[in-house]
Each structure stands twice: as C-alpha cells, then as structure tokens.
Protein backbone atom coordinates (compact mmCIF):
# COMPACT_ATOMS: atom_id res chain seq x y z
CA MET A 1 63.03 69.60 63.04
CA GLU A 2 60.84 69.86 66.10
CA LYS A 3 57.41 71.35 65.52
CA ASP A 4 56.51 74.25 67.74
CA GLU A 5 54.98 77.69 67.29
CA VAL A 6 58.23 79.25 66.05
CA THR A 7 59.19 76.49 63.61
CA GLU A 8 55.65 76.29 62.25
CA PHE A 9 55.76 80.03 61.55
CA MET A 10 59.17 79.70 59.86
CA VAL A 11 58.00 76.79 57.71
CA ASP A 12 54.85 78.65 56.67
CA VAL A 13 56.88 81.71 55.67
CA MET A 14 59.30 79.54 53.66
CA GLY A 15 56.67 77.69 51.65
CA GLY A 16 54.92 75.33 54.03
CA TYR A 17 56.98 72.16 53.58
CA TRP A 18 58.65 70.30 56.45
CA PRO A 19 62.20 69.11 55.73
CA GLU A 20 63.55 66.08 57.55
CA ASN A 21 66.64 68.04 58.58
CA ALA A 22 67.28 71.74 58.74
CA ALA A 23 69.98 74.06 59.97
CA PHE A 24 69.66 77.70 60.93
CA PHE A 25 72.65 80.01 61.11
CA PRO A 26 72.22 83.43 62.70
CA ILE A 27 74.27 86.41 61.57
CA ILE A 28 74.92 88.35 64.74
CA ILE A 29 75.90 92.01 65.02
CA GLU A 30 76.30 93.67 68.41
CA ASN A 31 74.79 90.62 70.10
CA LYS A 32 71.63 90.82 67.98
CA VAL A 33 70.49 88.47 65.24
CA VAL A 34 70.21 90.58 62.08
CA ALA A 35 69.79 87.78 59.55
CA LEU A 36 69.13 84.07 59.52
CA LEU A 37 70.45 81.62 56.93
CA HIS A 38 68.29 78.52 56.56
CA CYS A 39 69.48 75.28 54.95
CA ASP A 40 67.48 72.08 54.61
CA ASN A 41 67.36 68.76 52.80
CA TYR A 42 63.79 68.95 51.51
CA THR A 43 64.56 68.06 47.89
CA SER A 44 67.31 65.49 48.41
CA LYS A 45 66.24 63.98 51.75
CA GLU A 46 69.94 63.28 52.35
CA GLN A 47 71.62 63.97 55.67
CA ILE A 48 72.96 67.51 55.90
CA PRO A 49 76.76 67.29 55.68
CA SER A 50 79.17 68.97 58.06
CA THR A 51 78.48 72.67 58.38
CA ASP A 52 81.83 73.66 59.89
CA GLY A 53 82.92 75.68 56.84
CA LEU A 54 79.55 77.36 56.56
CA GLU A 55 79.61 78.30 60.24
CA ILE A 56 83.00 79.96 59.78
CA PHE A 57 81.69 81.83 56.74
CA ILE A 58 78.62 83.05 58.65
CA ASP A 59 80.79 84.20 61.57
CA GLN A 60 83.05 86.10 59.16
CA ALA A 61 80.03 87.70 57.47
CA GLY A 62 78.82 88.94 60.86
CA ILE A 63 82.25 90.33 61.68
CA ALA A 64 82.46 92.10 58.31
CA LEU A 65 79.01 93.63 58.71
CA GLU A 66 79.79 94.77 62.24
CA LYS A 67 83.07 96.31 61.06
CA THR A 68 81.20 98.21 58.35
CA LEU A 69 78.68 99.46 60.90
CA LEU A 70 81.44 100.65 63.21
CA GLN A 71 83.27 102.38 60.34
CA ARG A 72 80.09 104.25 59.42
CA ARG A 73 79.65 105.35 63.00
CA LEU A 74 83.22 106.62 63.10
CA GLN A 75 82.71 108.51 59.84
CA ASP A 76 79.54 110.08 61.22
CA LEU A 77 81.35 111.10 64.41
CA ASP A 78 84.21 112.57 62.40
CA LYS A 79 81.81 114.42 60.12
CA ASN A 80 79.84 115.80 63.08
CA SER A 81 82.99 116.93 64.88
CA LYS A 82 84.06 118.98 61.84
CA GLU A 83 80.75 120.83 61.64
C-alpha cells in the first residue's frame, strides 16, 4: 500500500499498522461513497486472494441500500400526497 496523506490517515484510524497488501471496496449509493470495506493481510502476511466474489457482494449491497433509499422516498412522497 502506497504511503500518502490519505493512506496514513486511514492506517492511523484503523490501529496504526501497515499491512503489506490491502484492498478497499467502496459501497456506492447515488454516485457517492457511503461506506468503505477494508481488507488486509496484516496477520497472515499472505497474498490477498481473488476478490471477485467480494466485489460482486459489495456491488449488490450498494444496490440493495439504494433500493431501500428509493423505496423510502416513494413512501414519503405517497404519504405527503395523501395529506
């Protein structure tokens, strides 16, 4: 992981240790990052395996959260139109 101002901040927030490899997966809703999943190999030092399945899961989580947000907005609109 390359050291820069952003990664140094992230590492400090997560305990101050520098893993050899790390992966960050953003959960995106309406083109905005709302959460960030961090995975690293600090304890094992082994290469991080393929993340294809995890990437699909993260994408699906973002879609599910966005769907929930849209459903709430529709419910609010429906509620407001009945008042």
